[in-house]
Amino acid sequence: TINVLGTGSTSAISGLPFSPASGINGYGATGYFSGLAVNVIA
């Protein structure tokens, strides 16, 4: 939960514990979201 965005990214979360393999994206799902900067349904 972001309190104040300031100069933070509006689209990316960093800090992953391991770097991903080159050429392979990993996919997932969001379980909950609120207070986003834009309205989305999914």
PDB file of all heavy atoms in Angstrom:
ATOM      1  N   THR A   1       0.857  -1.178   0.000  1.00  0.00           N
ATOM      2  CA  THR A   1       0.000   0.000   0.000  1.00  0.00           C
ATOM      3  C   THR A   1       0.896   1.231   0.000  1.00  0.00           C
ATOM      4  O   THR A   1       1.719   1.414   0.902  1.00  0.00           O
ATOM      5  CB  THR A   1      -0.923   0.042   1.232  1.00  0.00           C
ATOM      6  OG1 THR A   1      -1.687  -1.161   1.283  1.00  0.00           O
ATOM      7  CG2 THR A   1      -1.864   1.237   1.171  1.00  0.00           C
ATOM      8  N   ILE A   2       0.747   2.049  -1.024  1.00  0.00           N
ATOM      9  CA  ILE A   2       1.528   3.271  -1.149  1.00  0.00           C
ATOM     10  C   ILE A   2       0.826   4.374  -0.365  1.00  0.00           C
ATOM     11  O   ILE A   2      -0.383   4.580  -0.527  1.00  0.00           O
ATOM     12  CB  ILE A   2       1.672   3.677  -2.624  1.00  0.00           C
ATOM     13  CG1 ILE A   2       2.399   2.576  -3.400  1.00  0.00           C
ATOM     14  CG2 ILE A   2       2.378   5.021  -2.759  1.00  0.00           C
ATOM     15  CD1 ILE A   2       2.350   2.743  -4.900  1.00  0.00           C
ATOM     16  N   ASN A   3       1.553   5.074   0.468  1.00  0.00           N
ATOM     17  CA  ASN A   3       0.999   6.229   1.176  1.00  0.00           C
ATOM     18  C   ASN A   3       1.058   7.435   0.239  1.00  0.00           C
ATOM     19  O   ASN A   3       0.028   7.940  -0.179  1.00  0.00           O
ATOM     20  CB  ASN A   3       1.779   6.472   2.474  1.00  0.00           C
ATOM     21  CG  ASN A   3       1.210   7.603   3.294  1.00  0.00           C
ATOM     22  OD1 ASN A   3       0.013   7.860   3.244  1.00  0.00           O
ATOM     23  ND2 ASN A   3       2.061   8.276   4.030  1.00  0.00           N
ATOM     24  N   VAL A   4       2.260   7.888  -0.105  1.00  0.00           N
ATOM     25  CA  VAL A   4       2.454   8.993  -1.054  1.00  0.00           C
ATOM     26  C   VAL A   4       3.420   8.515  -2.128  1.00  0.00           C
ATOM     27  O   VAL A   4       4.529   8.081  -1.818  1.00  0.00           O
ATOM     28  CB  VAL A   4       3.015  10.249  -0.342  1.00  0.00           C
ATOM     29  CG1 VAL A   4       3.293  11.354  -1.352  1.00  0.00           C
ATOM     30  CG2 VAL A   4       2.052  10.723   0.736  1.00  0.00           C
ATOM     31  N   LEU A   5       3.019   8.586  -3.395  1.00  0.00           N
ATOM     32  CA  LEU A   5       3.836   8.093  -4.499  1.00  0.00           C
ATOM     33  C   LEU A   5       5.106   8.916  -4.699  1.00  0.00           C
ATOM     34  O   LEU A   5       6.165   8.361  -4.988  1.00  0.00           O
ATOM     35  CB  LEU A   5       3.031   8.036  -5.794  1.00  0.00           C
ATOM     36  CG  LEU A   5       3.776   7.464  -7.001  1.00  0.00           C
ATOM     37  CD1 LEU A   5       4.133   6.009  -6.783  1.00  0.00           C
ATOM     38  CD2 LEU A   5       2.959   7.637  -8.262  1.00  0.00           C
ATOM     39  N   GLY A   6       5.046  10.206  -4.562  1.00  0.00           N
ATOM     40  CA  GLY A   6       6.224  11.045  -4.797  1.00  0.00           C
ATOM     41  C   GLY A   6       6.781  10.804  -6.181  1.00  0.00           C
ATOM     42  O   GLY A   6       6.051  10.841  -7.165  1.00  0.00           O
ATOM     43  N   THR A   7       8.075  10.506  -6.266  1.00  0.00           N
ATOM     44  CA  THR A   7       8.714  10.257  -7.556  1.00  0.00           C
ATOM     45  C   THR A   7       8.796   8.759  -7.882  1.00  0.00           C
ATOM     46  O   THR A   7       9.532   8.357  -8.785  1.00  0.00           O
ATOM     47  CB  THR A   7      10.145  10.849  -7.585  1.00  0.00           C
ATOM     48  OG1 THR A   7      10.920  10.230  -6.539  1.00  0.00           O
ATOM     49  CG2 THR A   7      10.121  12.355  -7.396  1.00  0.00           C
ATOM     50  N   GLY A   8       8.032   7.933  -7.171  1.00  0.00           N
ATOM     51  CA  GLY A   8       8.016   6.496  -7.428  1.00  0.00           C
ATOM     52  C   GLY A   8       7.377   6.162  -8.765  1.00  0.00           C
ATOM     53  O   GLY A   8       6.679   6.981  -9.364  1.00  0.00           O
ATOM     54  N   SER A   9       7.580   4.947  -9.211  1.00  0.00           N
ATOM     55  CA  SER A   9       7.036   4.487 -10.491  1.00  0.00           C
ATOM     56  C   SER A   9       5.526   4.324 -10.423  1.00  0.00           C
ATOM     57  O   SER A   9       4.990   3.831  -9.438  1.00  0.00           O
ATOM     58  CB  SER A   9       7.665   3.143 -10.871  1.00  0.00           C
ATOM     59  OG  SER A   9       7.056   2.634 -12.046  1.00  0.00           O
ATOM     60  N   THR A  10       4.848   4.699 -11.487  1.00  0.00           N
ATOM     61  CA  THR A  10       3.401   4.526 -11.577  1.00  0.00           C
ATOM     62  C   THR A  10       3.020   3.176 -12.182  1.00  0.00           C
ATOM     63  O   THR A  10       1.848   2.824 -12.226  1.00  0.00           O
ATOM     64  CB  THR A  10       2.757   5.635 -12.436  1.00  0.00           C
ATOM     65  OG1 THR A  10       3.312   5.575 -13.753  1.00  0.00           O
ATOM     66  CG2 THR A  10       2.979   7.005 -11.825  1.00  0.00           C
ATOM     67  N   SER A  11       4.032   2.414 -12.638  1.00  0.00           N
ATOM     68  CA  SER A  11       3.711   1.178 -13.348  1.00  0.00           C
ATOM     69  C   SER A  11       4.533  -0.042 -12.955  1.00  0.00           C
ATOM     70  O   SER A  11       4.196  -1.148 -13.367  1.00  0.00           O
ATOM     71  CB  SER A  11       3.854   1.396 -14.853  1.00  0.00           C
ATOM     72  OG  SER A  11       5.188   1.766 -15.162  1.00  0.00           O
ATOM     73  N   ALA A  12       5.603   0.117 -12.175  1.00  0.00           N
ATOM     74  CA  ALA A  12       6.489  -1.018 -11.914  1.00  0.00           C
ATOM     75  C   ALA A  12       6.824  -1.176 -10.440  1.00  0.00           C
ATOM     76  O   ALA A  12       7.042  -0.196  -9.732  1.00  0.00           O
ATOM     77  CB  ALA A  12       7.785  -0.865 -12.704  1.00  0.00           C
ATOM     78  N   ILE A  13       6.863  -2.436  -9.996  1.00  0.00           N
ATOM     79  CA  ILE A  13       7.293  -2.781  -8.646  1.00  0.00           C
ATOM     80  C   ILE A  13       8.640  -3.479  -8.766  1.00  0.00           C
ATOM     81  O   ILE A  13       8.803  -4.412  -9.555  1.00  0.00           O
ATOM     82  CB  ILE A  13       6.277  -3.708  -7.947  1.00  0.00           C
ATOM     83  CG1 ILE A  13       4.949  -2.979  -7.742  1.00  0.00           C
ATOM     84  CG2 ILE A  13       6.832  -4.211  -6.615  1.00  0.00           C
ATOM     85  CD1 ILE A  13       3.844  -3.861  -7.167  1.00  0.00           C
ATOM     86  N   SER A  14       9.596  -3.034  -7.981  1.00  0.00           N
ATOM     87  CA  SER A  14      10.929  -3.634  -7.994  1.00  0.00           C
ATOM     88  C   SER A  14      11.227  -4.279  -6.645  1.00  0.00           C
ATOM     89  O   SER A  14      10.409  -4.237  -5.733  1.00  0.00           O
ATOM     90  CB  SER A  14      11.979  -2.571  -8.329  1.00  0.00           C
ATOM     91  OG  SER A  14      11.927  -1.526  -7.379  1.00  0.00           O
ATOM     92  N   GLY A  15      12.410  -4.869  -6.540  1.00  0.00           N
ATOM     93  CA  GLY A  15      12.838  -5.488  -5.292  1.00  0.00           C
ATOM     94  C   GLY A  15      12.737  -6.996  -5.268  1.00  0.00           C
ATOM     95  O   GLY A  15      12.887  -7.604  -4.210  1.00  0.00           O
ATOM     96  N   LEU A  16      12.472  -7.628  -6.416  1.00  0.00           N
ATOM     97  CA  LEU A  16      12.338  -9.087  -6.452  1.00  0.00           C
ATOM     98  C   LEU A  16      13.574  -9.761  -5.858  1.00  0.00           C
ATOM     99  O   LEU A  16      14.697  -9.267  -6.012  1.00  0.00           O
ATOM    100  CB  LEU A  16      12.129  -9.572  -7.885  1.00  0.00           C
ATOM    101  CG  LEU A  16      10.765  -9.257  -8.490  1.00  0.00           C
ATOM    102  CD1 LEU A  16      10.770  -9.549  -9.984  1.00  0.00           C
ATOM    103  CD2 LEU A  16       9.684 -10.047  -7.784  1.00  0.00           C
ATOM    104  N   PRO A  17      13.394 -10.896  -5.193  1.00  0.00           N
ATOM    105  CA  PRO A  17      14.519 -11.552  -4.535  1.00  0.00           C
ATOM    106  C   PRO A  17      15.510 -12.222  -5.487  1.00  0.00           C
ATOM    107  O   PRO A  17      16.649 -12.461  -5.116  1.00  0.00           O
ATOM    108  CB  PRO A  17      13.841 -12.593  -3.641  1.00  0.00           C
ATOM    109  CG  PRO A  17      12.545 -12.880  -4.310  1.00  0.00           C
ATOM    110  CD  PRO A  17      12.128 -11.583  -4.937  1.00  0.00           C
ATOM    111  N   PHE A  18      15.095 -12.515  -6.728  1.00  0.00           N
ATOM    112  CA  PHE A  18      15.955 -13.147  -7.719  1.00  0.00           C
ATOM    113  C   PHE A  18      15.672 -12.537  -9.084  1.00  0.00           C
ATOM    114  O   PHE A  18      14.526 -12.215  -9.397  1.00  0.00           O
ATOM    115  CB  PHE A  18      15.698 -14.661  -7.801  1.00  0.00           C
ATOM    116  CG  PHE A  18      15.968 -15.385  -6.511  1.00  0.00           C
ATOM    117  CD1 PHE A  18      14.940 -15.605  -5.608  1.00  0.00           C
ATOM    118  CD2 PHE A  18      17.237 -15.835  -6.200  1.00  0.00           C
ATOM    119  CE1 PHE A  18      15.171 -16.263  -4.411  1.00  0.00           C
ATOM    120  CE2 PHE A  18      17.487 -16.492  -5.007  1.00  0.00           C
ATOM    121  CZ  PHE A  18      16.456 -16.704  -4.105  1.00  0.00           C
ATOM    122  N   SER A  19      16.698 -12.390  -9.902  1.00  0.00           N
ATOM    123  CA  SER A  19      16.524 -11.882 -11.263  1.00  0.00           C
ATOM    124  C   SER A  19      15.928 -12.969 -12.147  1.00  0.00           C
ATOM    125  O   SER A  19      16.324 -14.131 -12.051  1.00  0.00           O
ATOM    126  CB  SER A  19      17.864 -11.436 -11.842  1.00  0.00           C
ATOM    127  OG  SER A  19      18.385 -10.370 -11.107  1.00  0.00           O
ATOM    128  N   PRO A  20      14.996 -12.597 -13.032  1.00  0.00           N
ATOM    129  CA  PRO A  20      14.392 -13.603 -13.921  1.00  0.00           C
ATOM    130  C   PRO A  20      15.361 -14.042 -15.012  1.00  0.00           C
ATOM    131  O   PRO A  20      16.283 -13.304 -15.378  1.00  0.00           O
ATOM    132  CB  PRO A  20      13.197 -12.858 -14.520  1.00  0.00           C
ATOM    133  CG  PRO A  20      13.546 -11.413 -14.403  1.00  0.00           C
ATOM    134  CD  PRO A  20      14.410 -11.273 -13.197  1.00  0.00           C
ATOM    135  N   ALA A  21      15.141 -15.241 -15.524  1.00  0.00           N
ATOM    136  CA  ALA A  21      15.938 -15.766 -16.628  1.00  0.00           C
ATOM    137  C   ALA A  21      15.694 -14.921 -17.878  1.00  0.00           C
ATOM    138  O   ALA A  21      14.587 -14.434 -18.113  1.00  0.00           O
ATOM    139  CB  ALA A  21      15.566 -17.220 -16.901  1.00  0.00           C
ATOM    140  N   SER A  22      16.717 -14.749 -18.670  1.00  0.00           N
ATOM    141  CA  SER A  22      16.622 -13.978 -19.899  1.00  0.00           C
ATOM    142  C   SER A  22      15.641 -14.636 -20.870  1.00  0.00           C
ATOM    143  O   SER A  22      15.678 -15.845 -21.076  1.00  0.00           O
ATOM    144  CB  SER A  22      18.001 -13.888 -20.550  1.00  0.00           C
ATOM    145  OG  SER A  22      17.932 -13.167 -21.751  1.00  0.00           O
ATOM    146  N   GLY A  23      14.762 -13.830 -21.432  1.00  0.00           N
ATOM    147  CA  GLY A  23      13.845 -14.316 -22.452  1.00  0.00           C
ATOM    148  C   GLY A  23      12.600 -15.017 -21.941  1.00  0.00           C
ATOM    149  O   GLY A  23      11.797 -15.495 -22.730  1.00  0.00           O
ATOM    150  N   ILE A  24      12.432 -15.090 -20.602  1.00  0.00           N
ATOM    151  CA  ILE A  24      11.267 -15.788 -20.055  1.00  0.00           C
ATOM    152  C   ILE A  24      10.530 -14.875 -19.073  1.00  0.00           C
ATOM    153  O   ILE A  24      11.049 -14.572 -17.996  1.00  0.00           O
ATOM    154  CB  ILE A  24      11.671 -17.083 -19.310  1.00  0.00           C
ATOM    155  CG1 ILE A  24      12.499 -17.995 -20.203  1.00  0.00           C
ATOM    156  CG2 ILE A  24      10.438 -17.806 -18.789  1.00  0.00           C
ATOM    157  CD1 ILE A  24      13.086 -19.191 -19.473  1.00  0.00           C
ATOM    158  N   ASN A  25       9.341 -14.406 -19.438  1.00  0.00           N
ATOM    159  CA  ASN A  25       8.514 -13.639 -18.512  1.00  0.00           C
ATOM    160  C   ASN A  25       7.808 -14.600 -17.563  1.00  0.00           C
ATOM    161  O   ASN A  25       7.574 -15.754 -17.910  1.00  0.00           O
ATOM    162  CB  ASN A  25       7.456 -12.821 -19.250  1.00  0.00           C
ATOM    163  CG  ASN A  25       8.039 -11.638 -19.998  1.00  0.00           C
ATOM    164  OD1 ASN A  25       9.150 -11.194 -19.728  1.00  0.00           O
ATOM    165  ND2 ASN A  25       7.289 -11.124 -20.956  1.00  0.00           N
ATOM    166  N   GLY A  26       7.460 -14.134 -16.381  1.00  0.00           N
ATOM    167  CA  GLY A  26       6.679 -14.925 -15.442  1.00  0.00           C
ATOM    168  C   GLY A  26       5.326 -14.268 -15.251  1.00  0.00           C
ATOM    169  O   GLY A  26       5.229 -13.038 -15.238  1.00  0.00           O
ATOM    170  N   TYR A  27       4.277 -15.057 -15.122  1.00  0.00           N
ATOM    171  CA  TYR A  27       2.931 -14.501 -15.061  1.00  0.00           C
ATOM    172  C   TYR A  27       2.226 -14.859 -13.762  1.00  0.00           C
ATOM    173  O   TYR A  27       2.511 -15.883 -13.148  1.00  0.00           O
ATOM    174  CB  TYR A  27       2.118 -14.980 -16.264  1.00  0.00           C
ATOM    175  CG  TYR A  27       2.733 -14.521 -17.549  1.00  0.00           C
ATOM    176  CD1 TYR A  27       3.632 -15.321 -18.245  1.00  0.00           C
ATOM    177  CD2 TYR A  27       2.469 -13.253 -18.042  1.00  0.00           C
ATOM    178  CE1 TYR A  27       4.242 -14.877 -19.405  1.00  0.00           C
ATOM    179  CE2 TYR A  27       3.061 -12.802 -19.207  1.00  0.00           C
ATOM    180  CZ  TYR A  27       3.947 -13.615 -19.877  1.00  0.00           C
ATOM    181  OH  TYR A  27       4.550 -13.164 -21.030  1.00  0.00           O
ATOM    182  N   GLY A  28       1.285 -14.010 -13.367  1.00  0.00           N
ATOM    183  CA  GLY A  28       0.569 -14.234 -12.129  1.00  0.00           C
ATOM    184  C   GLY A  28      -0.772 -13.537 -12.119  1.00  0.00           C
ATOM    185  O   GLY A  28      -1.312 -13.181 -13.166  1.00  0.00           O
ATOM    186  N   ALA A  29      -1.259 -13.317 -10.922  1.00  0.00           N
ATOM    187  CA  ALA A  29      -2.585 -12.723 -10.759  1.00  0.00           C
ATOM    188  C   ALA A  29      -2.575 -11.765  -9.579  1.00  0.00           C
ATOM    189  O   ALA A  29      -1.766 -11.886  -8.671  1.00  0.00           O
ATOM    190  CB  ALA A  29      -3.621 -13.815 -10.517  1.00  0.00           C
ATOM    191  N   THR A  30      -3.484 -10.822  -9.625  1.00  0.00           N
ATOM    192  CA  THR A  30      -3.693  -9.956  -8.477  1.00  0.00           C
ATOM    193  C   THR A  30      -4.879 -10.493  -7.696  1.00  0.00           C
ATOM    194  O   THR A  30      -5.882 -10.908  -8.276  1.00  0.00           O
ATOM    195  CB  THR A  30      -3.972  -8.499  -8.897  1.00  0.00           C
ATOM    196  OG1 THR A  30      -5.056  -8.479  -9.807  1.00  0.00           O
ATOM    197  CG2 THR A  30      -2.748  -7.877  -9.545  1.00  0.00           C
ATOM    198  N   GLY A  31      -4.733 -10.513  -6.387  1.00  0.00           N
ATOM    199  CA  GLY A  31      -5.810 -11.008  -5.546  1.00  0.00           C
ATOM    200  C   GLY A  31      -6.726  -9.897  -5.072  1.00  0.00           C
ATOM    201  O   GLY A  31      -7.896 -10.114  -4.784  1.00  0.00           O
ATOM    202  N   TYR A  32      -6.166  -8.673  -5.002  1.00  0.00           N
ATOM    203  CA  TYR A  32      -6.936  -7.531  -4.513  1.00  0.00           C
ATOM    204  C   TYR A  32      -6.257  -6.256  -4.988  1.00  0.00           C
ATOM    205  O   TYR A  32      -5.036  -6.188  -5.069  1.00  0.00           O
ATOM    206  CB  TYR A  32      -6.984  -7.549  -2.981  1.00  0.00           C
ATOM    207  CG  TYR A  32      -7.708  -6.367  -2.387  1.00  0.00           C
ATOM    208  CD1 TYR A  32      -9.095  -6.341  -2.328  1.00  0.00           C
ATOM    209  CD2 TYR A  32      -7.001  -5.274  -1.900  1.00  0.00           C
ATOM    210  CE1 TYR A  32      -9.762  -5.248  -1.790  1.00  0.00           C
ATOM    211  CE2 TYR A  32      -7.667  -4.185  -1.362  1.00  0.00           C
ATOM    212  CZ  TYR A  32      -9.042  -4.173  -1.308  1.00  0.00           C
ATOM    213  OH  TYR A  32      -9.707  -3.092  -0.783  1.00  0.00           O
ATOM    214  N   PHE A  33      -7.059  -5.243  -5.300  1.00  0.00           N
ATOM    215  CA  PHE A  33      -6.518  -3.925  -5.592  1.00  0.00           C
ATOM    216  C   PHE A  33      -7.536  -2.874  -5.191  1.00  0.00           C
ATOM    217  O   PHE A  33      -8.741  -3.105  -5.212  1.00  0.00           O
ATOM    218  CB  PHE A  33      -6.121  -3.769  -7.070  1.00  0.00           C
ATOM    219  CG  PHE A  33      -7.229  -4.026  -8.061  1.00  0.00           C
ATOM    220  CD1 PHE A  33      -8.082  -3.016  -8.457  1.00  0.00           C
ATOM    221  CD2 PHE A  33      -7.392  -5.280  -8.616  1.00  0.00           C
ATOM    222  CE1 PHE A  33      -9.101  -3.251  -9.389  1.00  0.00           C
ATOM    223  CE2 PHE A  33      -8.394  -5.533  -9.547  1.00  0.00           C
ATOM    224  CZ  PHE A  33      -9.249  -4.506  -9.933  1.00  0.00           C
ATOM    225  N   SER A  34      -7.015  -1.702  -4.778  1.00  0.00           N
ATOM    226  CA  SER A  34      -7.887  -0.578  -4.409  1.00  0.00           C
ATOM    227  C   SER A  34      -7.109   0.719  -4.566  1.00  0.00           C
ATOM    228  O   SER A  34      -5.878   0.726  -4.557  1.00  0.00           O
ATOM    229  CB  SER A  34      -8.380  -0.725  -2.965  1.00  0.00           C
ATOM    230  OG  SER A  34      -7.306  -0.601  -2.054  1.00  0.00           O
ATOM    231  N   GLY A  35      -7.830   1.813  -4.712  1.00  0.00           N
ATOM    232  CA  GLY A  35      -7.227   3.134  -4.775  1.00  0.00           C
ATOM    233  C   GLY A  35      -6.287   3.353  -5.941  1.00  0.00           C
ATOM    234  O   GLY A  35      -5.383   4.187  -5.857  1.00  0.00           O
ATOM    235  N   LEU A  36      -6.481   2.625  -7.038  1.00  0.00           N
ATOM    236  CA  LEU A  36      -5.577   2.763  -8.173  1.00  0.00           C
ATOM    237  C   LEU A  36      -5.730   4.132  -8.832  1.00  0.00           C
ATOM    238  O   LEU A  36      -6.749   4.803  -8.689  1.00  0.00           O
ATOM    239  CB  LEU A  36      -5.837   1.657  -9.199  1.00  0.00           C
ATOM    240  CG  LEU A  36      -5.672   0.222  -8.694  1.00  0.00           C
ATOM    241  CD1 LEU A  36      -5.903  -0.768  -9.834  1.00  0.00           C
ATOM    242  CD2 LEU A  36      -4.307   0.009  -8.053  1.00  0.00           C
ATOM    243  N   ALA A  37      -4.713   4.531  -9.587  1.00  0.00           N
ATOM    244  CA  ALA A  37      -4.703   5.836 -10.256  1.00  0.00           C
ATOM    245  C   ALA A  37      -5.655   5.884 -11.448  1.00  0.00           C
ATOM    246  O   ALA A  37      -5.996   6.965 -11.925  1.00  0.00           O
ATOM    247  CB  ALA A  37      -3.288   6.177 -10.708  1.00  0.00           C
ATOM    248  N   VAL A  38      -6.078   4.724 -11.946  1.00  0.00           N
ATOM    249  CA  VAL A  38      -7.027   4.640 -13.056  1.00  0.00           C
ATOM    250  C   VAL A  38      -8.092   3.603 -12.707  1.00  0.00           C
ATOM    251  O   VAL A  38      -7.860   2.716 -11.894  1.00  0.00           O
ATOM    252  CB  VAL A  38      -6.340   4.250 -14.392  1.00  0.00           C
ATOM    253  CG1 VAL A  38      -5.363   5.329 -14.832  1.00  0.00           C
ATOM    254  CG2 VAL A  38      -5.624   2.920 -14.280  1.00  0.00           C
ATOM    255  N   ASN A  39      -9.252   3.711 -13.323  1.00  0.00           N
ATOM    256  CA  ASN A  39     -10.316   2.737 -13.098  1.00  0.00           C
ATOM    257  C   ASN A  39     -10.086   1.511 -13.972  1.00  0.00           C
ATOM    258  O   ASN A  39      -9.886   1.642 -15.182  1.00  0.00           O
ATOM    259  CB  ASN A  39     -11.686   3.342 -13.428  1.00  0.00           C
ATOM    260  CG  ASN A  39     -12.081   4.403 -12.440  1.00  0.00           C
ATOM    261  OD1 ASN A  39     -11.741   4.333 -11.265  1.00  0.00           O
ATOM    262  ND2 ASN A  39     -12.788   5.423 -12.910  1.00  0.00           N
ATOM    263  N   VAL A  40     -10.094   0.349 -13.349  1.00  0.00           N
ATOM    264  CA  VAL A  40      -9.950  -0.905 -14.085  1.00  0.00           C
ATOM    265  C   VAL A  40     -10.972  -1.898 -13.548  1.00  0.00           C
ATOM    266  O   VAL A  40     -11.395  -1.806 -12.397  1.00  0.00           O
ATOM    267  CB  VAL A  40      -8.535  -1.504 -13.983  1.00  0.00           C
ATOM    268  CG1 VAL A  40      -7.500  -0.555 -14.557  1.00  0.00           C
ATOM    269  CG2 VAL A  40      -8.175  -1.877 -12.570  1.00  0.00           C
ATOM    270  N   ILE A  41     -11.361  -2.857 -14.407  1.00  0.00           N
ATOM    271  CA  ILE A  41     -12.264  -3.906 -13.940  1.00  0.00           C
ATOM    272  C   ILE A  41     -11.536  -5.233 -13.780  1.00  0.00           C
ATOM    273  O   ILE A  41     -12.049  -6.142 -13.148  1.00  0.00           O
ATOM    274  CB  ILE A  41     -13.489  -4.070 -14.870  1.00  0.00           C
ATOM    275  CG1 ILE A  41     -13.070  -4.465 -16.280  1.00  0.00           C
ATOM    276  CG2 ILE A  41     -14.324  -2.805 -14.889  1.00  0.00           C
ATOM    277  CD1 ILE A  41     -14.228  -4.868 -17.180  1.00  0.00           C
ATOM    278  N   ALA A  42     -10.332  -5.334 -14.371  1.00  0.00           N
ATOM    279  CA  ALA A  42      -9.518  -6.545 -14.225  1.00  0.00           C
ATOM    280  C   ALA A  42      -8.051  -6.145 -14.247  1.00  0.00           C
ATOM    281  O   ALA A  42      -7.657  -5.223 -14.959  1.00  0.00           O
ATOM    282  CB  ALA A  42      -9.812  -7.522 -15.347  1.00  0.00           C
TER     283      ALA A  42
END
